[in-house]
């Protein structure tokens, strides 16, 4: 039961805010899960630098950024 001091429009907005907070919390959880999965997929030690990639491809760093 809502307070008699809050009108219907305010009560409706507060309800929407509560629902949006739940949506944001769920999205945050999903983002964390995806980041966790990605971090297990490729270890930072397996990555190469831009300079090394350019060298392997036989191009300059400037060409890679175009």
C-alpha atoms as a PDB file:
ATOM      1  CA  UNK A   1       0.000   0.000   0.000  1.00  0.00           C
ATOM      2  CA  UNK A   2       1.367   3.379  -0.932  1.00  0.00           C
ATOM      3  CA  UNK A   3       1.493   6.445   1.236  1.00  0.00           C
ATOM      4  CA  UNK A   4      -1.459   8.823   0.919  1.00  0.00           C
ATOM      5  CA  UNK A   5       1.130  11.596   0.524  1.00  0.00           C
ATOM      6  CA  UNK A   6       2.210  10.286  -2.911  1.00  0.00           C
ATOM      7  CA  UNK A   7      -0.050  10.928  -5.889  1.00  0.00           C
ATOM      8  CA  UNK A   8      -0.744   8.330  -8.579  1.00  0.00           C
ATOM      9  CA  UNK A   9       1.671   9.824 -11.122  1.00  0.00           C
ATOM     10  CA  UNK A  10       4.524   9.809  -8.597  1.00  0.00           C
ATOM     11  CA  UNK A  11       3.715   6.255  -7.520  1.00  0.00           C
ATOM     12  CA  UNK A  12       3.736   5.149 -11.167  1.00  0.00           C
ATOM     13  CA  UNK A  13       7.106   6.801 -11.781  1.00  0.00           C
ATOM     14  CA  UNK A  14       8.571   5.198  -8.662  1.00  0.00           C
ATOM     15  CA  UNK A  15       7.351   1.812  -9.901  1.00  0.00           C
ATOM     16  CA  UNK A  16       8.966   2.363 -13.286  1.00  0.00           C
ATOM     17  CA  UNK A  17      12.218   3.421 -11.624  1.00  0.00           C
ATOM     18  CA  UNK A  18      12.215   0.242  -9.542  1.00  0.00           C
ATOM     19  CA  UNK A  19      11.686  -1.886 -12.672  1.00  0.00           C
ATOM     20  CA  UNK A  20      14.461  -0.067 -14.548  1.00  0.00           C
ATOM     21  CA  UNK A  21      16.822  -0.598 -11.611  1.00  0.00           C
ATOM     22  CA  UNK A  22      16.155  -4.335 -11.890  1.00  0.00           C
ATOM     23  CA  UNK A  23      16.835  -4.259 -15.639  1.00  0.00           C
ATOM     24  CA  UNK A  24      20.103  -2.372 -15.123  1.00  0.00           C
ATOM     25  CA  UNK A  25      21.184  -4.823 -12.416  1.00  0.00           C
ATOM     26  CA  UNK A  26      20.482  -7.777 -14.745  1.00  0.00           C
ATOM     27  CA  UNK A  27      22.391  -6.138 -17.616  1.00  0.00           C
ATOM     28  CA  UNK A  28      25.321  -5.459 -15.298  1.00  0.00           C
ATOM     29  CA  UNK A  29      25.326  -9.123 -14.295  1.00  0.00           C
ATOM     30  CA  UNK A  30      25.275 -10.229 -17.945  1.00  0.00           C
ATOM     31  CA  UNK A  31      28.103  -7.841 -18.851  1.00  0.00           C
ATOM     32  CA  UNK A  32      30.188  -9.237 -16.008  1.00  0.00           C
ATOM     33  CA  UNK A  33      29.535 -12.799 -17.213  1.00  0.00           C
ATOM     34  CA  UNK A  34      30.551 -11.951 -20.795  1.00  0.00           C
ATOM     35  CA  UNK A  35      33.736 -10.233 -19.612  1.00  0.00           C
ATOM     36  CA  UNK A  36      34.537 -13.270 -17.482  1.00  0.00           C
ATOM     37  CA  UNK A  37      34.022 -15.621 -20.436  1.00  0.00           C
ATOM     38  CA  UNK A  38      36.185 -13.463 -22.693  1.00  0.00           C
ATOM     39  CA  UNK A  39      38.984 -13.317 -20.166  1.00  0.00           C
ATOM     40  CA  UNK A  40      39.044 -17.127 -20.076  1.00  0.00           C
ATOM     41  CA  UNK A  41      39.037 -17.350 -23.881  1.00  0.00           C
ATOM     42  CA  UNK A  42      42.257 -15.457 -24.563  1.00  0.00           C
ATOM     43  CA  UNK A  43      44.993 -14.945 -22.030  1.00  0.00           C
ATOM     44  CA  UNK A  44      46.737 -11.564 -22.250  1.00  0.00           C
ATOM     45  CA  UNK A  45      50.012 -13.440 -22.692  1.00  0.00           C
ATOM     46  CA  UNK A  46      48.645 -14.887 -25.966  1.00  0.00           C
ATOM     47  CA  UNK A  47      48.138 -11.449 -27.491  1.00  0.00           C
ATOM     48  CA  UNK A  48      50.710  -9.715 -29.659  1.00  0.00           C
ATOM     49  CA  UNK A  49      51.431  -6.020 -29.982  1.00  0.00           C
ATOM     50  CA  UNK A  50      50.299  -3.865 -32.894  1.00  0.00           C
ATOM     51  CA  UNK A  51      53.919  -3.537 -33.994  1.00  0.00           C
ATOM     52  CA  UNK A  52      54.385  -7.338 -34.039  1.00  0.00           C
ATOM     53  CA  UNK A  53      51.122  -7.835 -35.952  1.00  0.00           C
ATOM     54  CA  UNK A  54      52.207  -5.252 -38.532  1.00  0.00           C
ATOM     55  CA  UNK A  55      55.576  -6.972 -38.857  1.00  0.00           C
ATOM     56  CA  UNK A  56      53.936 -10.384 -39.372  1.00  0.00           C
ATOM     57  CA  UNK A  57      51.587  -8.942 -41.970  1.00  0.00           C
ATOM     58  CA  UNK A  58      54.343  -7.054 -43.711  1.00  0.00           C
ATOM     59  CA  UNK A  59      52.655  -3.685 -43.345  1.00  0.00           C
ATOM     60  CA  UNK A  60      53.390  -0.497 -41.455  1.00  0.00           C
ATOM     61  CA  UNK A  61      51.548   0.549 -38.321  1.00  0.00           C
ATOM     62  CA  UNK A  62      50.158   3.518 -40.273  1.00  0.00           C
ATOM     63  CA  UNK A  63      48.569   1.135 -42.774  1.00  0.00           C
ATOM     64  CA  UNK A  64      46.913  -0.833 -39.955  1.00  0.00           C
ATOM     65  CA  UNK A  65      45.217   2.263 -38.558  1.00  0.00           C
ATOM     66  CA  UNK A  66      43.637   3.279 -41.887  1.00  0.00           C
END
